């Protein structure tokens, strides 16, 4: 048995990515799906005196295999096995078991915390992805009393530790999403420790902190038949004492507007995003992306982004500050 892939639009969030693909029912209790992505990009970094050596081509490929196991009437297990040519490793991106009893849902295992949504229609992820957090051990309790409201509370073991201690510490996340009107949705989330994020803001400090710095995020989504607009922001609630004063309280935002041409299986997206105190990233960036759905299960996305830097937050190996960067990229995706 084969489940139809939903529509002609590409995924915009990690949850949609997990559900992408052509689910094949191998047995009554096992379904398998897959996703292949091949990406090629060229970055042109400029400093005051011209082109920088950091400019150049990059290419990568990623294979994801999704497994869904129906264990019994109120539980199922999910795993996403991933191979990436950048790391040349095979690993479980996510692996968790979910118990469901409407309107409650409890997920246990390796999973991303519900901090931020990270809407994107581009090959390159938005700048605010610096807050994305994956925990090896997490428990997430979700409550959805209706289609218009969802709340979740997650507790997890984080990688960051208090200075002078090796004891593992628990972190927590609260997230709330609501459909406020037809086509309009809003949401927000709070994470107790931003140092646990995959970007590892305290990596140079061996992930040790003198005090916790929480993170907060929020988004707005407007969707119509042929248009969609998202606005999302994510920020540290106070400064990291371990970081320099010009980069110790990072925040970023992202706005994307999309026009769908369903008859031609094409979508065109515009992005405008920015950041403050986010090391190595532009303070303002904008660009266009076009996606063509080739048949039912293949996509081709092309993008162009221009980013401007300031305040010496991004420098080359000779400590020369970047002036701007131009990025051209493409991604070919196959779902199966």
C-alpha atoms as a PDB file:
ATOM      1  CA  UNK A   1       0.000   0.000   0.000  1.00  0.00           C
ATOM      2  CA  UNK A   2       1.276   3.471  -0.925  1.00  0.00           C
ATOM      3  CA  UNK A   3       0.162   6.749   0.614  1.00  0.00           C
ATOM      4  CA  UNK A   4      -0.066   9.747  -1.687  1.00  0.00           C
ATOM      5  CA  UNK A   5       2.397  12.545  -1.009  1.00  0.00           C
ATOM      6  CA  UNK A   6       0.537  15.694   0.079  1.00  0.00           C
ATOM      7  CA  UNK A   7       0.092  18.213  -2.737  1.00  0.00           C
ATOM      8  CA  UNK A   8       2.674  19.925  -4.874  1.00  0.00           C
ATOM      9  CA  UNK A   9       4.235  22.247  -2.287  1.00  0.00           C
ATOM     10  CA  UNK A  10       7.604  21.531  -0.755  1.00  0.00           C
ATOM     11  CA  UNK A  11       8.070  21.246   3.002  1.00  0.00           C
ATOM     12  CA  UNK A  12       8.737  24.465   4.924  1.00  0.00           C
ATOM     13  CA  UNK A  13       9.479  23.097   8.416  1.00  0.00           C
ATOM     14  CA  UNK A  14      11.308  20.126   9.934  1.00  0.00           C
ATOM     15  CA  UNK A  15       8.003  18.472  10.835  1.00  0.00           C
ATOM     16  CA  UNK A  16       6.870  18.689   7.208  1.00  0.00           C
ATOM     17  CA  UNK A  17      10.251  17.294   6.125  1.00  0.00           C
ATOM     18  CA  UNK A  18       9.751  14.277   8.379  1.00  0.00           C
ATOM     19  CA  UNK A  19       6.353  13.643   6.782  1.00  0.00           C
ATOM     20  CA  UNK A  20       7.600  14.172   3.213  1.00  0.00           C
ATOM     21  CA  UNK A  21       7.978  11.294   0.821  1.00  0.00           C
ATOM     22  CA  UNK A  22       5.998   8.393  -0.494  1.00  0.00           C
ATOM     23  CA  UNK A  23       5.099   6.218   2.486  1.00  0.00           C
ATOM     24  CA  UNK A  24       5.131   2.553   1.582  1.00  0.00           C
ATOM     25  CA  UNK A  25       3.332   0.143   3.872  1.00  0.00           C
ATOM     26  CA  UNK A  26       5.858  -2.702   4.035  1.00  0.00           C
ATOM     27  CA  UNK A  27       3.908  -4.669   6.654  1.00  0.00           C
ATOM     28  CA  UNK A  28       0.715  -3.911   8.607  1.00  0.00           C
ATOM     29  CA  UNK A  29       2.949  -2.387  11.289  1.00  0.00           C
ATOM     30  CA  UNK A  30       5.811  -0.812   9.291  1.00  0.00           C
ATOM     31  CA  UNK A  31       5.788   2.122   6.836  1.00  0.00           C
ATOM     32  CA  UNK A  32       8.913   3.441   5.076  1.00  0.00           C
ATOM     33  CA  UNK A  33       9.549   6.701   3.230  1.00  0.00           C
ATOM     34  CA  UNK A  34      12.608   8.404   1.816  1.00  0.00           C
ATOM     35  CA  UNK A  35      14.032  11.758   0.815  1.00  0.00           C
ATOM     36  CA  UNK A  36      17.138  12.509  -1.282  1.00  0.00           C
ATOM     37  CA  UNK A  37      18.563  16.032  -1.530  1.00  0.00           C
ATOM     38  CA  UNK A  38      21.479  17.153  -3.708  1.00  0.00           C
ATOM     39  CA  UNK A  39      22.658  20.716  -3.145  1.00  0.00           C
ATOM     40  CA  UNK A  40      25.092  22.985  -4.978  1.00  0.00           C
ATOM     41  CA  UNK A  41      25.970  26.562  -4.016  1.00  0.00           C
ATOM     42  CA  UNK A  42      28.476  29.331  -4.748  1.00  0.00           C
ATOM     43  CA  UNK A  43      29.261  32.009  -2.172  1.00  0.00           C
ATOM     44  CA  UNK A  44      31.011  35.219  -3.175  1.00  0.00           C
ATOM     45  CA  UNK A  45      32.373  36.965  -0.034  1.00  0.00           C
ATOM     46  CA  UNK A  46      33.649  40.522  -0.406  1.00  0.00           C
ATOM     47  CA  UNK A  47      35.918  42.518   1.867  1.00  0.00           C
ATOM     48  CA  UNK A  48      36.887  46.171   1.503  1.00  0.00           C
ATOM     49  CA  UNK A  49      39.681  45.362  -0.959  1.00  0.00           C
ATOM     50  CA  UNK A  50      37.820  42.869  -3.116  1.00  0.00           C
ATOM     51  CA  UNK A  51      36.921  39.203  -3.213  1.00  0.00           C
ATOM     52  CA  UNK A  52      37.798  37.033  -0.205  1.00  0.00           C
ATOM     53  CA  UNK A  53      39.353  33.572  -0.204  1.00  0.00           C
ATOM     54  CA  UNK A  54      36.290  32.181   1.611  1.00  0.00           C
ATOM     55  CA  UNK A  55      34.403  32.437  -1.690  1.00  0.00           C
ATOM     56  CA  UNK A  56      33.871  29.251  -3.629  1.00  0.00           C
ATOM     57  CA  UNK A  57      31.682  26.319  -4.527  1.00  0.00           C
ATOM     58  CA  UNK A  58      30.125  23.841  -2.133  1.00  0.00           C
ATOM     59  CA  UNK A  59      28.164  20.696  -2.872  1.00  0.00           C
ATOM     60  CA  UNK A  60      26.533  18.099  -0.671  1.00  0.00           C
ATOM     61  CA  UNK A  61      24.019  15.282  -0.752  1.00  0.00           C
ATOM     62  CA  UNK A  62      21.710  13.987   1.936  1.00  0.00           C
ATOM     63  CA  UNK A  63      19.691  10.787   2.188  1.00  0.00           C
ATOM     64  CA  UNK A  64      16.920  10.373   4.751  1.00  0.00           C
ATOM     65  CA  UNK A  65      15.003   7.202   5.467  1.00  0.00           C
ATOM     66  CA  UNK A  66      11.888   7.488   7.579  1.00  0.00           C
ATOM     67  CA  UNK A  67      10.509   4.530   9.534  1.00  0.00           C
ATOM     68  CA  UNK A  68       7.118   4.437  11.243  1.00  0.00           C
ATOM     69  CA  UNK A  69       6.174   1.442  13.389  1.00  0.00           C
ATOM     70  CA  UNK A  70       2.669   0.885  14.751  1.00  0.00           C
ATOM     71  CA  UNK A  71       3.328  -0.771  18.089  1.00  0.00           C
ATOM     72  CA  UNK A  72      -0.226  -1.031  19.373  1.00  0.00           C
ATOM     73  CA  UNK A  73      -3.430   1.000  19.332  1.00  0.00           C
ATOM     74  CA  UNK A  74      -2.126   4.052  21.239  1.00  0.00           C
ATOM     75  CA  UNK A  75       1.567   4.099  20.344  1.00  0.00           C
ATOM     76  CA  UNK A  76       3.897   4.315  17.360  1.00  0.00           C
ATOM     77  CA  UNK A  77       7.644   4.669  16.949  1.00  0.00           C
ATOM     78  CA  UNK A  78       9.314   6.989  14.440  1.00  0.00           C
ATOM     79  CA  UNK A  79      12.916   7.209  13.298  1.00  0.00           C
ATOM     80  CA  UNK A  80      14.676   9.311  10.674  1.00  0.00           C
ATOM     81  CA  UNK A  81      17.976   7.748   9.579  1.00  0.00           C
ATOM     82  CA  UNK A  82      20.215  10.215   7.764  1.00  0.00           C
ATOM     83  CA  UNK A  83      23.396  10.074   5.692  1.00  0.00           C
ATOM     84  CA  UNK A  84      25.111  13.351   4.803  1.00  0.00           C
ATOM     85  CA  UNK A  85      28.155  13.629   2.547  1.00  0.00           C
ATOM     86  CA  UNK A  86      29.426  16.613   4.568  1.00  0.00           C
ATOM     87  CA  UNK A  87      29.941  14.455   7.648  1.00  0.00           C
ATOM     88  CA  UNK A  88      30.192  11.081   5.851  1.00  0.00           C
ATOM     89  CA  UNK A  89      28.221   9.548   8.708  1.00  0.00           C
ATOM     90  CA  UNK A  90      25.007   7.618   9.120  1.00  0.00           C
ATOM     91  CA  UNK A  91      23.045   8.661  12.203  1.00  0.00           C
ATOM     92  CA  UNK A  92      19.556   8.771  13.625  1.00  0.00           C
ATOM     93  CA  UNK A  93      18.443  12.369  13.195  1.00  0.00           C
ATOM     94  CA  UNK A  94      15.372  11.570  15.282  1.00  0.00           C
ATOM     95  CA  UNK A  95      14.176   8.425  17.052  1.00  0.00           C
ATOM     96  CA  UNK A  96      11.244   8.490  19.431  1.00  0.00           C
ATOM     97  CA  UNK A  97       8.102   6.674  20.532  1.00  0.00           C
ATOM     98  CA  UNK A  98       4.749   8.439  20.747  1.00  0.00           C
ATOM     99  CA  UNK A  99       1.779   7.559  22.930  1.00  0.00           C
ATOM    100  CA  UNK A 100      -1.488   9.131  21.861  1.00  0.00           C
ATOM    101  CA  UNK A 101      -4.837   9.444  23.561  1.00  0.00           C
ATOM    102  CA  UNK A 102      -6.866  12.269  22.089  1.00  0.00           C
ATOM    103  CA  UNK A 103      -6.337  15.155  22.831  1.00  0.00           C
ATOM    104  CA  UNK A 104      -2.992  14.236  24.491  1.00  0.00           C
ATOM    105  CA  UNK A 105       0.256  13.055  22.941  1.00  0.00           C
ATOM    106  CA  UNK A 106       3.508  12.066  24.649  1.00  0.00           C
ATOM    107  CA  UNK A 107       6.781  11.620  22.713  1.00  0.00           C
ATOM    108  CA  UNK A 108       9.897  10.105  24.292  1.00  0.00           C
ATOM    109  CA  UNK A 109      13.378   9.847  22.762  1.00  0.00           C
ATOM    110  CA  UNK A 110      15.743  11.725  20.472  1.00  0.00           C
ATOM    111  CA  UNK A 111      13.885  14.686  19.009  1.00  0.00           C
ATOM    112  CA  UNK A 112      13.951  18.403  18.280  1.00  0.00           C
ATOM    113  CA  UNK A 113      12.519  20.598  20.976  1.00  0.00           C
ATOM    114  CA  UNK A 114       9.424  22.645  20.009  1.00  0.00           C
ATOM    115  CA  UNK A 115      11.464  25.878  20.196  1.00  0.00           C
ATOM    116  CA  UNK A 116      10.913  27.862  16.991  1.00  0.00           C
ATOM    117  CA  UNK A 117       9.323  26.716  13.736  1.00  0.00           C
ATOM    118  CA  UNK A 118      11.863  27.975  11.160  1.00  0.00           C
ATOM    119  CA  UNK A 119       9.562  28.470   8.182  1.00  0.00           C
ATOM    120  CA  UNK A 120      11.530  28.523   4.940  1.00  0.00           C
ATOM    121  CA  UNK A 121      10.969  28.043   1.213  1.00  0.00           C
ATOM    122  CA  UNK A 122      14.676  28.452   0.385  1.00  0.00           C
ATOM    123  CA  UNK A 123      17.601  26.076   0.025  1.00  0.00           C
ATOM    124  CA  UNK A 124      19.478  28.032   2.709  1.00  0.00           C
ATOM    125  CA  UNK A 125      17.924  27.959   6.157  1.00  0.00           C
ATOM    126  CA  UNK A 126      16.983  31.275   7.813  1.00  0.00           C
ATOM    127  CA  UNK A 127      19.431  33.073  10.112  1.00  0.00           C
ATOM    128  CA  UNK A 128      17.223  32.372  13.133  1.00  0.00           C
ATOM    129  CA  UNK A 129      18.052  28.665  12.881  1.00  0.00           C
ATOM    130  CA  UNK A 130      20.780  29.389  15.436  1.00  0.00           C
ATOM    131  CA  UNK A 131      18.130  28.512  18.041  1.00  0.00           C
ATOM    132  CA  UNK A 132      17.217  25.071  16.684  1.00  0.00           C
ATOM    133  CA  UNK A 133      17.818  22.399  19.345  1.00  0.00           C
ATOM    134  CA  UNK A 134      17.989  18.622  19.112  1.00  0.00           C
ATOM    135  CA  UNK A 135      18.076  16.647  22.358  1.00  0.00           C
ATOM    136  CA  UNK A 136      19.200  13.041  22.647  1.00  0.00           C
ATOM    137  CA  UNK A 137      16.843  12.531  25.580  1.00  0.00           C
ATOM    138  CA  UNK A 138      13.587  14.446  25.621  1.00  0.00           C
ATOM    139  CA  UNK A 139       9.962  14.042  26.625  1.00  0.00           C
ATOM    140  CA  UNK A 140       7.338  16.206  24.940  1.00  0.00           C
ATOM    141  CA  UNK A 141       3.726  16.367  26.097  1.00  0.00           C
ATOM    142  CA  UNK A 142       1.372  17.926  23.538  1.00  0.00           C
ATOM    143  CA  UNK A 143      -2.242  18.965  24.055  1.00  0.00           C
ATOM    144  CA  UNK A 144      -4.526  19.703  21.105  1.00  0.00           C
ATOM    145  CA  UNK A 145      -8.130  20.184  22.226  1.00  0.00           C
ATOM    146  CA  UNK A 146      -9.113  21.445  18.756  1.00  0.00           C
ATOM    147  CA  UNK A 147      -7.738  22.124  15.289  1.00  0.00           C
ATOM    148  CA  UNK A 148      -7.320  25.765  16.320  1.00  0.00           C
ATOM    149  CA  UNK A 149      -5.104  25.272  19.388  1.00  0.00           C
ATOM    150  CA  UNK A 150      -1.983  23.270  20.221  1.00  0.00           C
ATOM    151  CA  UNK A 151       0.197  23.476  23.315  1.00  0.00           C
ATOM    152  CA  UNK A 152       3.295  21.489  24.193  1.00  0.00           C
ATOM    153  CA  UNK A 153       5.707  21.170  27.089  1.00  0.00           C
ATOM    154  CA  UNK A 154       9.075  19.499  26.612  1.00  0.00           C
ATOM    155  CA  UNK A 155      11.778  18.548  29.105  1.00  0.00           C
ATOM    156  CA  UNK A 156      15.198  17.457  27.860  1.00  0.00           C
ATOM    157  CA  UNK A 157      18.786  16.776  28.856  1.00  0.00           C
ATOM    158  CA  UNK A 158      20.909  19.610  27.485  1.00  0.00           C
ATOM    159  CA  UNK A 159      24.573  19.669  26.507  1.00  0.00           C
ATOM    160  CA  UNK A 160      25.371  22.914  28.384  1.00  0.00           C
ATOM    161  CA  UNK A 161      26.551  22.706  31.999  1.00  0.00           C
ATOM    162  CA  UNK A 162      26.960  25.159  34.843  1.00  0.00           C
ATOM    163  CA  UNK A 163      30.525  26.407  35.270  1.00  0.00           C
ATOM    164  CA  UNK A 164      32.452  24.158  37.640  1.00  0.00           C
ATOM    165  CA  UNK A 165      29.973  21.284  37.381  1.00  0.00           C
ATOM    166  CA  UNK A 166      29.825  18.172  35.216  1.00  0.00           C
ATOM    167  CA  UNK A 167      26.327  17.229  36.311  1.00  0.00           C
ATOM    168  CA  UNK A 168      23.776  16.893  33.511  1.00  0.00           C
ATOM    169  CA  UNK A 169      21.029  19.489  33.652  1.00  0.00           C
ATOM    170  CA  UNK A 170      17.434  19.460  32.555  1.00  0.00           C
ATOM    171  CA  UNK A 171      16.046  22.120  30.266  1.00  0.00           C
ATOM    172  CA  UNK A 172      12.458  22.788  29.295  1.00  0.00           C
ATOM    173  CA  UNK A 173      10.428  24.319  26.463  1.00  0.00           C
ATOM    174  CA  UNK A 174       6.869  25.587  26.313  1.00  0.00           C
ATOM    175  CA  UNK A 175       5.201  26.239  22.951  1.00  0.00           C
ATOM    176  CA  UNK A 176       1.749  27.457  21.994  1.00  0.00           C
ATOM    177  CA  UNK A 177       0.167  27.678  18.521  1.00  0.00           C
ATOM    178  CA  UNK A 178      -3.275  28.990  17.599  1.00  0.00           C
ATOM    179  CA  UNK A 179      -5.371  29.610  14.508  1.00  0.00           C
ATOM    180  CA  UNK A 180      -6.891  33.000  15.274  1.00  0.00           C
ATOM    181  CA  UNK A 181      -8.910  33.408  12.075  1.00  0.00           C
ATOM    182  CA  UNK A 182      -9.350  31.732   8.730  1.00  0.00           C
ATOM    183  CA  UNK A 183      -5.915  31.760   7.137  1.00  0.00           C
ATOM    184  CA  UNK A 184      -4.210  33.369  10.148  1.00  0.00           C
ATOM    185  CA  UNK A 185      -2.068  31.511  12.690  1.00  0.00           C
ATOM    186  CA  UNK A 186       0.260  32.657  15.448  1.00  0.00           C
ATOM    187  CA  UNK A 187       2.581  30.891  17.831  1.00  0.00           C
ATOM    188  CA  UNK A 188       5.325  31.341  20.351  1.00  0.00           C
ATOM    189  CA  UNK A 189       7.800  29.319  22.384  1.00  0.00           C
ATOM    190  CA  UNK A 190      10.214  29.693  25.288  1.00  0.00           C
ATOM    191  CA  UNK A 191      13.311  27.571  25.932  1.00  0.00           C
ATOM    192  CA  UNK A 192      15.017  27.686  29.317  1.00  0.00           C
ATOM    193  CA  UNK A 193      18.582  27.406  27.979  1.00  0.00           C
ATOM    194  CA  UNK A 194      19.685  28.741  24.582  1.00  0.00           C
ATOM    195  CA  UNK A 195      23.207  27.369  25.160  1.00  0.00           C
ATOM    196  CA  UNK A 196      21.783  23.912  24.350  1.00  0.00           C
ATOM    197  CA  UNK A 197      21.041  24.941  20.737  1.00  0.00           C
ATOM    198  CA  UNK A 198      22.764  23.057  17.918  1.00  0.00           C
ATOM    199  CA  UNK A 199      24.690  26.239  17.016  1.00  0.00           C
ATOM    200  CA  UNK A 200      26.591  25.819  20.331  1.00  0.00           C
ATOM    201  CA  UNK A 201      27.038  29.518  21.242  1.00  0.00           C
ATOM    202  CA  UNK A 202      29.335  28.554  24.151  1.00  0.00           C
ATOM    203  CA  UNK A 203      31.430  25.967  22.274  1.00  0.00           C
ATOM    204  CA  UNK A 204      34.633  27.947  22.925  1.00  0.00           C
ATOM    205  CA  UNK A 205      33.776  27.819  26.644  1.00  0.00           C
ATOM    206  CA  UNK A 206      33.362  24.026  26.564  1.00  0.00           C
ATOM    207  CA  UNK A 207      29.589  24.628  26.755  1.00  0.00           C
ATOM    208  CA  UNK A 208      29.895  25.983  30.302  1.00  0.00           C
ATOM    209  CA  UNK A 209      27.953  28.994  31.573  1.00  0.00           C
ATOM    210  CA  UNK A 210      27.843  31.095  34.736  1.00  0.00           C
ATOM    211  CA  UNK A 211      24.106  31.651  34.319  1.00  0.00           C
ATOM    212  CA  UNK A 212      21.418  30.313  32.038  1.00  0.00           C
ATOM    213  CA  UNK A 213      20.246  32.396  29.116  1.00  0.00           C
ATOM    214  CA  UNK A 214      16.759  31.561  27.898  1.00  0.00           C
ATOM    215  CA  UNK A 215      15.433  31.957  24.374  1.00  0.00           C
ATOM    216  CA  UNK A 216      12.075  33.203  23.126  1.00  0.00           C
ATOM    217  CA  UNK A 217      10.516  32.942  19.673  1.00  0.00           C
ATOM    218  CA  UNK A 218       7.288  33.834  17.915  1.00  0.00           C
ATOM    219  CA  UNK A 219       5.738  33.616  14.470  1.00  0.00           C
ATOM    220  CA  UNK A 220       2.793  34.731  12.377  1.00  0.00           C
ATOM    221  CA  UNK A 221       1.448  32.872   9.335  1.00  0.00           C
ATOM    222  CA  UNK A 222      -1.073  34.051   6.766  1.00  0.00           C
ATOM    223  CA  UNK A 223      -2.087  31.538   4.119  1.00  0.00           C
ATOM    224  CA  UNK A 224      -4.460  31.807   1.171  1.00  0.00           C
ATOM    225  CA  UNK A 225      -5.029  29.614  -1.859  1.00  0.00           C
ATOM    226  CA  UNK A 226      -2.198  31.138  -3.909  1.00  0.00           C
ATOM    227  CA  UNK A 227      -0.256  33.177  -1.343  1.00  0.00           C
ATOM    228  CA  UNK A 228       1.513  32.684   1.957  1.00  0.00           C
ATOM    229  CA  UNK A 229       3.369  35.090   4.249  1.00  0.00           C
ATOM    230  CA  UNK A 230       5.365  34.141   7.340  1.00  0.00           C
ATOM    231  CA  UNK A 231       7.138  36.323   9.887  1.00  0.00           C
ATOM    232  CA  UNK A 232       9.234  34.719  12.605  1.00  0.00           C
ATOM    233  CA  UNK A 233      11.698  36.013  15.202  1.00  0.00           C
ATOM    234  CA  UNK A 234      13.948  34.336  17.777  1.00  0.00           C
ATOM    235  CA  UNK A 235      16.119  35.927  20.471  1.00  0.00           C
ATOM    236  CA  UNK A 236      18.143  35.446  23.620  1.00  0.00           C
ATOM    237  CA  UNK A 237      16.315  36.985  26.579  1.00  0.00           C
ATOM    238  CA  UNK A 238      19.519  38.352  28.162  1.00  0.00           C
ATOM    239  CA  UNK A 239      23.251  38.397  27.530  1.00  0.00           C
ATOM    240  CA  UNK A 240      25.736  35.533  27.755  1.00  0.00           C
ATOM    241  CA  UNK A 241      28.368  36.706  30.238  1.00  0.00           C
ATOM    242  CA  UNK A 242      30.980  34.507  28.539  1.00  0.00           C
ATOM    243  CA  UNK A 243      30.724  36.253  25.139  1.00  0.00           C
ATOM    244  CA  UNK A 244      31.998  39.609  23.910  1.00  0.00           C
ATOM    245  CA  UNK A 245      29.707  42.580  24.474  1.00  0.00           C
ATOM    246  CA  UNK A 246      28.901  43.064  20.758  1.00  0.00           C
ATOM    247  CA  UNK A 247      27.704  39.459  20.283  1.00  0.00           C
ATOM    248  CA  UNK A 248      26.422  38.231  23.639  1.00  0.00           C
ATOM    249  CA  UNK A 249      22.648  38.638  23.099  1.00  0.00           C
ATOM    250  CA  UNK A 250      21.869  37.429  19.551  1.00  0.00           C
ATOM    251  CA  UNK A 251      18.526  37.651  17.849  1.00  0.00           C
ATOM    252  CA  UNK A 252      17.243  37.205  14.303  1.00  0.00           C
ATOM    253  CA  UNK A 253      14.063  37.483  12.263  1.00  0.00           C
ATOM    254  CA  UNK A 254      12.827  36.171   8.934  1.00  0.00           C
ATOM    255  CA  UNK A 255       9.991  37.204   6.628  1.00  0.00           C
ATOM    256  CA  UNK A 256       9.007  35.187   3.565  1.00  0.00           C
ATOM    257  CA  UNK A 257       6.259  35.793   1.019  1.00  0.00           C
ATOM    258  CA  UNK A 258       5.319  33.041  -1.424  1.00  0.00           C
ATOM    259  CA  UNK A 259       3.226  32.984  -4.583  1.00  0.00           C
ATOM    260  CA  UNK A 260       1.984  29.561  -5.704  1.00  0.00           C
ATOM    261  CA  UNK A 261       1.312  28.782  -9.369  1.00  0.00           C
ATOM    262  CA  UNK A 262      -0.395  25.433  -8.909  1.00  0.00           C
ATOM    263  CA  UNK A 263      -1.270  24.925 -12.565  1.00  0.00           C
ATOM    264  CA  UNK A 264       2.407  25.137 -13.480  1.00  0.00           C
ATOM    265  CA  UNK A 265       3.607  23.390 -10.298  1.00  0.00           C
ATOM    266  CA  UNK A 266       5.815  26.402  -9.524  1.00  0.00           C
ATOM    267  CA  UNK A 267       6.238  28.616  -6.478  1.00  0.00           C
ATOM    268  CA  UNK A 268       8.233  31.842  -6.137  1.00  0.00           C
ATOM    269  CA  UNK A 269       9.386  33.077  -2.726  1.00  0.00           C
ATOM    270  CA  UNK A 270      10.881  36.339  -1.490  1.00  0.00           C
ATOM    271  CA  UNK A 271      12.898  36.508   1.741  1.00  0.00           C
ATOM    272  CA  UNK A 272      13.884  39.462   3.874  1.00  0.00           C
ATOM    273  CA  UNK A 273      15.725  38.649   7.106  1.00  0.00           C
ATOM    274  CA  UNK A 274      18.081  40.209   9.579  1.00  0.00           C
ATOM    275  CA  UNK A 275      20.080  39.672  12.743  1.00  0.00           C
ATOM    276  CA  UNK A 276      21.794  41.517  15.578  1.00  0.00           C
ATOM    277  CA  UNK A 277      24.805  40.284  17.559  1.00  0.00           C
ATOM    278  CA  UNK A 278      24.806  37.012  15.599  1.00  0.00           C
ATOM    279  CA  UNK A 279      28.427  36.128  14.893  1.00  0.00           C
ATOM    280  CA  UNK A 280      29.472  35.379  11.274  1.00  0.00           C
ATOM    281  CA  UNK A 281      26.027  36.250   9.893  1.00  0.00           C
ATOM    282  CA  UNK A 282      24.705  39.237   7.869  1.00  0.00           C
ATOM    283  CA  UNK A 283      22.742  41.927   9.653  1.00  0.00           C
ATOM    284  CA  UNK A 284      20.393  42.124   6.646  1.00  0.00           C
ATOM    285  CA  UNK A 285      19.803  39.606   3.852  1.00  0.00           C
ATOM    286  CA  UNK A 286      17.284  39.312   1.035  1.00  0.00           C
ATOM    287  CA  UNK A 287      16.686  37.266  -2.070  1.00  0.00           C
ATOM    288  CA  UNK A 288      14.441  35.171  -4.290  1.00  0.00           C
ATOM    289  CA  UNK A 289      13.846  31.436  -4.675  1.00  0.00           C
ATOM    290  CA  UNK A 290      11.883  29.525  -7.304  1.00  0.00           C
ATOM    291  CA  UNK A 291      10.755  25.919  -6.949  1.00  0.00           C
ATOM    292  CA  UNK A 292       9.486  23.679  -9.728  1.00  0.00           C
ATOM    293  CA  UNK A 293       7.681  20.474  -8.811  1.00  0.00           C
ATOM    294  CA  UNK A 294       8.823  17.988 -11.459  1.00  0.00           C
ATOM    295  CA  UNK A 295       6.147  15.333 -11.550  1.00  0.00           C
ATOM    296  CA  UNK A 296       4.743  14.237  -8.198  1.00  0.00           C
ATOM    297  CA  UNK A 297       7.831  13.525  -6.145  1.00  0.00           C
ATOM    298  CA  UNK A 298      10.712  15.648  -7.405  1.00  0.00           C
ATOM    299  CA  UNK A 299      11.545  19.332  -6.817  1.00  0.00           C
ATOM    300  CA  UNK A 300      14.120  21.696  -8.227  1.00  0.00           C
ATOM    301  CA  UNK A 301      14.794  24.885  -6.230  1.00  0.00           C
ATOM    302  CA  UNK A 302      17.045  27.752  -7.318  1.00  0.00           C
ATOM    303  CA  UNK A 303      17.865  30.703  -5.067  1.00  0.00           C
ATOM    304  CA  UNK A 304      19.797  33.948  -4.903  1.00  0.00           C
ATOM    305  CA  UNK A 305      20.589  35.777  -1.641  1.00  0.00           C
ATOM    306  CA  UNK A 306      22.484  38.998  -0.939  1.00  0.00           C
ATOM    307  CA  UNK A 307      23.710  39.707   2.592  1.00  0.00           C
ATOM    308  CA  UNK A 308      25.269  42.811   4.137  1.00  0.00           C
ATOM    309  CA  UNK A 309      27.616  42.704   7.156  1.00  0.00           C
ATOM    310  CA  UNK A 310      28.452  45.323   9.781  1.00  0.00           C
ATOM    311  CA  UNK A 311      30.212  45.833  13.139  1.00  0.00           C
ATOM    312  CA  UNK A 312      33.009  43.317  12.411  1.00  0.00           C
ATOM    313  CA  UNK A 313      30.811  40.398  13.479  1.00  0.00           C
ATOM    314  CA  UNK A 314      32.027  38.414  10.463  1.00  0.00           C
ATOM    315  CA  UNK A 315      35.726  38.396   9.523  1.00  0.00           C
ATOM    316  CA  UNK A 316      38.107  36.281   7.463  1.00  0.00           C
ATOM    317  CA  UNK A 317      41.194  34.439   8.714  1.00  0.00           C
ATOM    318  CA  UNK A 318      43.158  37.715   8.650  1.00  0.00           C
ATOM    319  CA  UNK A 319      40.520  39.451  10.815  1.00  0.00           C
ATOM    320  CA  UNK A 320      39.393  41.595   7.882  1.00  0.00           C
ATOM    321  CA  UNK A 321      35.653  42.285   8.145  1.00  0.00           C
ATOM    322  CA  UNK A 322      33.347  41.103   5.391  1.00  0.00           C
ATOM    323  CA  UNK A 323      31.408  43.756   3.507  1.00  0.00           C
ATOM    324  CA  UNK A 324      28.785  41.610   1.776  1.00  0.00           C
ATOM    325  CA  UNK A 325      28.106  38.153   0.369  1.00  0.00           C
ATOM    326  CA  UNK A 326      26.222  36.935  -2.691  1.00  0.00           C
ATOM    327  CA  UNK A 327      24.947  33.381  -2.706  1.00  0.00           C
ATOM    328  CA  UNK A 328      23.597  31.373  -5.646  1.00  0.00           C
ATOM    329  CA  UNK A 329      22.299  27.914  -4.850  1.00  0.00           C
ATOM    330  CA  UNK A 330      20.284  25.029  -6.133  1.00  0.00           C
ATOM    331  CA  UNK A 331      18.736  21.905  -4.657  1.00  0.00           C
ATOM    332  CA  UNK A 332      17.263  18.839  -6.331  1.00  0.00           C
ATOM    333  CA  UNK A 333      14.926  16.793  -4.138  1.00  0.00           C
ATOM    334  CA  UNK A 334      13.420  13.360  -4.719  1.00  0.00           C
ATOM    335  CA  UNK A 335      10.768  11.884  -2.431  1.00  0.00           C
ATOM    336  CA  UNK A 336      10.152   8.150  -2.462  1.00  0.00           C
END
